[in-house]
Amino acid sequence: MLKYILPLLLFIVMAVFLALGLNLHPSEIPSPLINKPAPEFSAPKLQAPEEKLTPADLKGKVWLFNVWASWCVSCRSEHPVLNQLAQQKAAVIVGLNYKDEPEAALGWLAQLGNPYDVSIMDQDGRIGIDWGVYGVPETFVIDKQGVVRYKHTGPVTPEDVQQVFLPLIAKLQAEN
């Protein structure tokens, strides 16, 4: 009798875990960076590799840090949304070109438009590791003091812009 009940109980436990897993939202992956200073980096600019960008260069500004790559299918779907957001000039948009070839990235931006005020290169993925990047695309919101205030995993949608990003950016812009 036990040899019939044990597999049934095991199946029920697995079914419960599956049901719980199907209700999770990947965009709600918590980040240990929230309310902590943005990780330091010094990275070459995509359009001017001889120049570098650091978070200190952005102090006093609210900025978005969008992790993207030309090989990323989801990045392609979010790109028009970022182009529209850039037109609103609500915040500085910094792109982190992640594990990509500069030529491919530049061609991609030339073809699809460039929403970034500046894009930096992370060919070896070290900056992504420091920021806790799970995959691309991911977008962070950083306040004027350089503190990470929000992380969005997955492609940004128009609804995300209206319901999350713009209200948060407006709040952070109003802070001293």
C-alpha atoms as a PDB file:
ATOM      1  CA  MET A   1       0.000   0.000   0.000  1.00  0.00           C
ATOM      2  CA  LEU A   2       2.862   2.384   0.888  1.00  0.00           C
ATOM      3  CA  LYS A   3       4.430   1.901  -2.542  1.00  0.00           C
ATOM      4  CA  TYR A   4       1.240   3.386  -4.087  1.00  0.00           C
ATOM      5  CA  ILE A   5       0.719   6.241  -1.623  1.00  0.00           C
ATOM      6  CA  LEU A   6       4.319   7.507  -1.659  1.00  0.00           C
ATOM      7  CA  PRO A   7       4.409   8.218  -5.445  1.00  0.00           C
ATOM      8  CA  LEU A   8       0.982   9.868  -5.180  1.00  0.00           C
ATOM      9  CA  LEU A   9       2.174  12.154  -2.362  1.00  0.00           C
ATOM     10  CA  LEU A  10       5.336  12.969  -4.294  1.00  0.00           C
ATOM     11  CA  PHE A  11       3.258  13.840  -7.360  1.00  0.00           C
ATOM     12  CA  ILE A  12       0.990  16.120  -5.304  1.00  0.00           C
ATOM     13  CA  VAL A  13       3.975  17.956  -3.792  1.00  0.00           C
ATOM     14  CA  MET A  14       5.514  18.445  -7.245  1.00  0.00           C
ATOM     15  CA  ALA A  15       2.180  19.684  -8.626  1.00  0.00           C
ATOM     16  CA  VAL A  16       1.918  22.257  -5.824  1.00  0.00           C
ATOM     17  CA  PHE A  17       5.446  23.561  -6.522  1.00  0.00           C
ATOM     18  CA  LEU A  18       4.691  23.736 -10.251  1.00  0.00           C
ATOM     19  CA  ALA A  19       1.495  25.702  -9.589  1.00  0.00           C
ATOM     20  CA  LEU A  20       3.380  28.122  -7.335  1.00  0.00           C
ATOM     21  CA  GLY A  21       6.157  28.533  -9.904  1.00  0.00           C
ATOM     22  CA  LEU A  22       3.708  29.328 -12.690  1.00  0.00           C
ATOM     23  CA  ASN A  23       2.366  32.234 -10.648  1.00  0.00           C
ATOM     24  CA  LEU A  24       5.772  33.902 -10.233  1.00  0.00           C
ATOM     25  CA  HIS A  25       6.631  36.985 -12.274  1.00  0.00           C
ATOM     26  CA  PRO A  26      10.232  37.166 -13.544  1.00  0.00           C
ATOM     27  CA  SER A  27      10.112  40.974 -13.602  1.00  0.00           C
ATOM     28  CA  GLU A  28       9.711  40.913  -9.815  1.00  0.00           C
ATOM     29  CA  ILE A  29      13.096  39.356  -9.105  1.00  0.00           C
ATOM     30  CA  PRO A  30      14.346  41.204  -6.019  1.00  0.00           C
ATOM     31  CA  SER A  31      17.657  43.014  -6.177  1.00  0.00           C
ATOM     32  CA  PRO A  32      20.044  43.432  -3.257  1.00  0.00           C
ATOM     33  CA  LEU A  33      21.022  46.790  -4.797  1.00  0.00           C
ATOM     34  CA  ILE A  34      17.729  48.527  -4.003  1.00  0.00           C
ATOM     35  CA  ASN A  35      18.355  51.537  -1.728  1.00  0.00           C
ATOM     36  CA  LYS A  36      22.131  51.033  -1.967  1.00  0.00           C
ATOM     37  CA  PRO A  37      24.710  53.055  -3.928  1.00  0.00           C
ATOM     38  CA  ALA A  38      25.027  52.095  -7.574  1.00  0.00           C
ATOM     39  CA  PRO A  39      27.992  49.782  -8.160  1.00  0.00           C
ATOM     40  CA  GLU A  40      31.084  51.577  -9.388  1.00  0.00           C
ATOM     41  CA  PHE A  41      32.359  51.170 -12.928  1.00  0.00           C
ATOM     42  CA  SER A  42      34.554  52.970 -15.405  1.00  0.00           C
ATOM     43  CA  ALA A  43      33.634  51.868 -18.884  1.00  0.00           C
ATOM     44  CA  PRO A  44      34.389  53.002 -22.416  1.00  0.00           C
ATOM     45  CA  LYS A  45      31.619  54.784 -24.286  1.00  0.00           C
ATOM     46  CA  LEU A  46      30.265  52.861 -27.257  1.00  0.00           C
ATOM     47  CA  GLN A  47      30.416  55.839 -29.636  1.00  0.00           C
ATOM     48  CA  ALA A  48      33.738  57.155 -28.238  1.00  0.00           C
ATOM     49  CA  PRO A  49      35.782  54.245 -26.778  1.00  0.00           C
ATOM     50  CA  GLU A  50      38.617  56.562 -25.777  1.00  0.00           C
ATOM     51  CA  GLU A  51      36.230  58.259 -23.300  1.00  0.00           C
ATOM     52  CA  LYS A  52      34.997  56.604 -20.109  1.00  0.00           C
ATOM     53  CA  LEU A  53      31.838  56.986 -18.027  1.00  0.00           C
ATOM     54  CA  THR A  54      31.467  56.429 -14.286  1.00  0.00           C
ATOM     55  CA  PRO A  55      28.441  56.739 -11.964  1.00  0.00           C
ATOM     56  CA  ALA A  56      30.121  59.823 -10.470  1.00  0.00           C
ATOM     57  CA  ASP A  57      29.609  61.543 -13.847  1.00  0.00           C
ATOM     58  CA  LEU A  58      25.859  61.206 -13.299  1.00  0.00           C
ATOM     59  CA  LYS A  59      25.634  62.534  -9.704  1.00  0.00           C
ATOM     60  CA  GLY A  60      22.856  65.066  -9.342  1.00  0.00           C
ATOM     61  CA  LYS A  61      20.808  63.436 -12.126  1.00  0.00           C
ATOM     62  CA  VAL A  62      18.080  60.821 -12.111  1.00  0.00           C
ATOM     63  CA  TRP A  63      19.122  58.159 -14.596  1.00  0.00           C
ATOM     64  CA  LEU A  64      18.019  54.862 -16.058  1.00  0.00           C
ATOM     65  CA  PHE A  65      20.575  52.124 -16.574  1.00  0.00           C
ATOM     66  CA  ASN A  66      19.326  49.837 -19.339  1.00  0.00           C
ATOM     67  CA  VAL A  67      21.227  46.601 -19.994  1.00  0.00           C
ATOM     68  CA  TRP A  68      20.900  45.605 -23.658  1.00  0.00           C
ATOM     69  CA  ALA A  69      22.594  43.747 -26.508  1.00  0.00           C
ATOM     70  CA  SER A  70      22.176  43.546 -30.282  1.00  0.00           C
ATOM     71  CA  TRP A  71      21.781  39.750 -30.020  1.00  0.00           C
ATOM     72  CA  CYS A  72      18.899  40.063 -27.504  1.00  0.00           C
ATOM     73  CA  VAL A  73      15.441  39.383 -28.962  1.00  0.00           C
ATOM     74  CA  SER A  74      13.617  40.906 -25.969  1.00  0.00           C
ATOM     75  CA  CYS A  75      15.750  44.041 -26.266  1.00  0.00           C
ATOM     76  CA  ARG A  76      14.411  44.488 -29.791  1.00  0.00           C
ATOM     77  CA  SER A  77      10.829  44.395 -28.495  1.00  0.00           C
ATOM     78  CA  GLU A  78      11.510  46.998 -25.778  1.00  0.00           C
ATOM     79  CA  HIS A  79      13.573  49.300 -28.007  1.00  0.00           C
ATOM     80  CA  PRO A  80      10.648  51.305 -29.472  1.00  0.00           C
ATOM     81  CA  VAL A  81       9.402  51.879 -25.904  1.00  0.00           C
ATOM     82  CA  LEU A  82      12.813  53.224 -24.882  1.00  0.00           C
ATOM     83  CA  ASN A  83      12.896  55.452 -27.978  1.00  0.00           C
ATOM     84  CA  GLN A  84       9.538  56.941 -26.950  1.00  0.00           C
ATOM     85  CA  LEU A  85      10.673  57.352 -23.341  1.00  0.00           C
ATOM     86  CA  ALA A  86      13.843  59.124 -24.509  1.00  0.00           C
ATOM     87  CA  GLN A  87      11.744  61.683 -26.407  1.00  0.00           C
ATOM     88  CA  GLN A  88      10.090  62.676 -23.112  1.00  0.00           C
ATOM     89  CA  LYS A  89      13.503  63.594 -21.611  1.00  0.00           C
ATOM     90  CA  ALA A  90      12.249  62.557 -18.150  1.00  0.00           C
ATOM     91  CA  ALA A  91      15.662  61.184 -17.138  1.00  0.00           C
ATOM     92  CA  VAL A  92      19.100  60.452 -18.542  1.00  0.00           C
ATOM     93  CA  ILE A  93      19.146  57.018 -20.177  1.00  0.00           C
ATOM     94  CA  VAL A  94      22.447  55.156 -19.970  1.00  0.00           C
ATOM     95  CA  GLY A  95      22.795  51.952 -21.941  1.00  0.00           C
ATOM     96  CA  LEU A  96      25.032  49.079 -20.899  1.00  0.00           C
ATOM     97  CA  ASN A  97      25.888  47.164 -24.059  1.00  0.00           C
ATOM     98  CA  TYR A  98      26.313  43.715 -22.520  1.00  0.00           C
ATOM     99  CA  LYS A  99      28.630  41.013 -23.937  1.00  0.00           C
ATOM    100  CA  ASP A 100      28.297  42.395 -27.440  1.00  0.00           C
ATOM    101  CA  GLU A 101      30.554  43.402 -30.296  1.00  0.00           C
ATOM    102  CA  PRO A 102      30.804  47.200 -30.680  1.00  0.00           C
ATOM    103  CA  GLU A 103      30.231  47.045 -34.450  1.00  0.00           C
ATOM    104  CA  ALA A 104      27.037  45.017 -34.015  1.00  0.00           C
ATOM    105  CA  ALA A 105      25.804  47.367 -31.288  1.00  0.00           C
ATOM    106  CA  LEU A 106      26.483  50.488 -33.330  1.00  0.00           C
ATOM    107  CA  GLY A 107      24.731  48.970 -36.363  1.00  0.00           C
ATOM    108  CA  TRP A 108      21.743  48.016 -34.224  1.00  0.00           C
ATOM    109  CA  LEU A 109      21.403  51.573 -32.868  1.00  0.00           C
ATOM    110  CA  ALA A 110      21.798  53.037 -36.367  1.00  0.00           C
ATOM    111  CA  GLN A 111      19.033  50.772 -37.637  1.00  0.00           C
ATOM    112  CA  LEU A 112      16.557  50.999 -34.725  1.00  0.00           C
ATOM    113  CA  GLY A 113      17.305  54.435 -33.297  1.00  0.00           C
ATOM    114  CA  ASN A 114      19.340  55.421 -30.264  1.00  0.00           C
ATOM    115  CA  PRO A 115      17.380  56.150 -27.067  1.00  0.00           C
ATOM    116  CA  TYR A 116      20.554  56.439 -24.969  1.00  0.00           C
ATOM    117  CA  ASP A 117      22.150  59.675 -23.873  1.00  0.00           C
ATOM    118  CA  VAL A 118      25.273  57.534 -23.633  1.00  0.00           C
ATOM    119  CA  SER A 119      25.920  53.821 -23.993  1.00  0.00           C
ATOM    120  CA  ILE A 120      28.893  52.052 -22.472  1.00  0.00           C
ATOM    121  CA  MET A 121      30.497  48.720 -23.317  1.00  0.00           C
ATOM    122  CA  ASP A 122      30.670  45.653 -21.076  1.00  0.00           C
ATOM    123  CA  GLN A 123      32.174  43.070 -23.424  1.00  0.00           C
ATOM    124  CA  ASP A 124      33.376  40.720 -20.672  1.00  0.00           C
ATOM    125  CA  GLY A 125      30.231  41.056 -18.510  1.00  0.00           C
ATOM    126  CA  ARG A 126      31.990  42.271 -15.348  1.00  0.00           C
ATOM    127  CA  ILE A 127      29.827  45.361 -14.920  1.00  0.00           C
ATOM    128  CA  GLY A 128      26.738  43.199 -15.382  1.00  0.00           C
ATOM    129  CA  ILE A 129      27.962  40.855 -12.644  1.00  0.00           C
ATOM    130  CA  ASP A 130      28.489  43.785 -10.256  1.00  0.00           C
ATOM    131  CA  TRP A 131      24.957  44.989 -10.967  1.00  0.00           C
ATOM    132  CA  GLY A 132      23.471  41.513 -10.453  1.00  0.00           C
ATOM    133  CA  VAL A 133      22.247  41.190 -14.023  1.00  0.00           C
ATOM    134  CA  TYR A 134      20.369  37.918 -14.585  1.00  0.00           C
ATOM    135  CA  GLY A 135      19.911  38.484 -18.297  1.00  0.00           C
ATOM    136  CA  VAL A 136      19.069  41.152 -20.806  1.00  0.00           C
ATOM    137  CA  PRO A 137      17.163  43.386 -20.867  1.00  0.00           C
ATOM    138  CA  GLU A 138      17.166  44.801 -17.364  1.00  0.00           C
ATOM    139  CA  THR A 139      16.593  48.400 -16.347  1.00  0.00           C
ATOM    140  CA  PHE A 140      17.552  50.184 -13.135  1.00  0.00           C
ATOM    141  CA  VAL A 141      16.418  53.594 -11.860  1.00  0.00           C
ATOM    142  CA  ILE A 142      19.086  55.553  -9.985  1.00  0.00           C
ATOM    143  CA  ASP A 143      18.382  58.728  -7.999  1.00  0.00           C
ATOM    144  CA  LYS A 144      20.336  61.999  -7.870  1.00  0.00           C
ATOM    145  CA  GLN A 145      22.539  60.715  -5.038  1.00  0.00           C
ATOM    146  CA  GLY A 146      23.528  57.626  -7.046  1.00  0.00           C
ATOM    147  CA  VAL A 147      21.301  55.199  -5.139  1.00  0.00           C
ATOM    148  CA  VAL A 148      19.532  52.364  -6.973  1.00  0.00           C
ATOM    149  CA  ARG A 149      15.814  52.826  -6.378  1.00  0.00           C
ATOM    150  CA  TYR A 150      14.214  50.264  -8.715  1.00  0.00           C
ATOM    151  CA  LYS A 151      15.081  47.287 -10.897  1.00  0.00           C
ATOM    152  CA  HIS A 152      12.986  45.968 -13.767  1.00  0.00           C
ATOM    153  CA  THR A 153      13.829  42.564 -15.224  1.00  0.00           C
ATOM    154  CA  GLY A 154      12.670  41.854 -18.769  1.00  0.00           C
ATOM    155  CA  PRO A 155      11.518  44.153 -21.542  1.00  0.00           C
ATOM    156  CA  VAL A 156      10.026  47.499 -20.546  1.00  0.00           C
ATOM    157  CA  THR A 157       6.477  47.890 -21.853  1.00  0.00           C
ATOM    158  CA  PRO A 158       4.448  51.066 -22.438  1.00  0.00           C
ATOM    159  CA  GLU A 159       2.421  50.128 -19.340  1.00  0.00           C
ATOM    160  CA  ASP A 160       5.622  49.887 -17.271  1.00  0.00           C
ATOM    161  CA  VAL A 161       6.645  53.355 -18.456  1.00  0.00           C
ATOM    162  CA  GLN A 162       3.284  54.902 -17.536  1.00  0.00           C
ATOM    163  CA  GLN A 163       2.621  53.016 -14.307  1.00  0.00           C
ATOM    164  CA  VAL A 164       6.121  52.600 -12.830  1.00  0.00           C
ATOM    165  CA  PHE A 165       8.941  54.502 -14.501  1.00  0.00           C
ATOM    166  CA  LEU A 166       7.427  57.957 -15.105  1.00  0.00           C
ATOM    167  CA  PRO A 167       5.827  58.256 -11.630  1.00  0.00           C
ATOM    168  CA  LEU A 168       9.043  57.113  -9.938  1.00  0.00           C
ATOM    169  CA  ILE A 169      11.209  59.395 -12.069  1.00  0.00           C
ATOM    170  CA  ALA A 170       8.921  62.377 -11.309  1.00  0.00           C
ATOM    171  CA  LYS A 171       9.142  61.605  -7.584  1.00  0.00           C
ATOM    172  CA  LEU A 172      12.943  61.334  -7.711  1.00  0.00           C
ATOM    173  CA  GLN A 173      13.295  64.511  -9.813  1.00  0.00           C
ATOM    174  CA  ALA A 174      11.316  66.402  -7.139  1.00  0.00           C
ATOM    175  CA  GLU A 175      13.672  65.240  -4.361  1.00  0.00           C
ATOM    176  CA  ASN A 176      16.678  67.373  -3.410  1.00  0.00           C
END
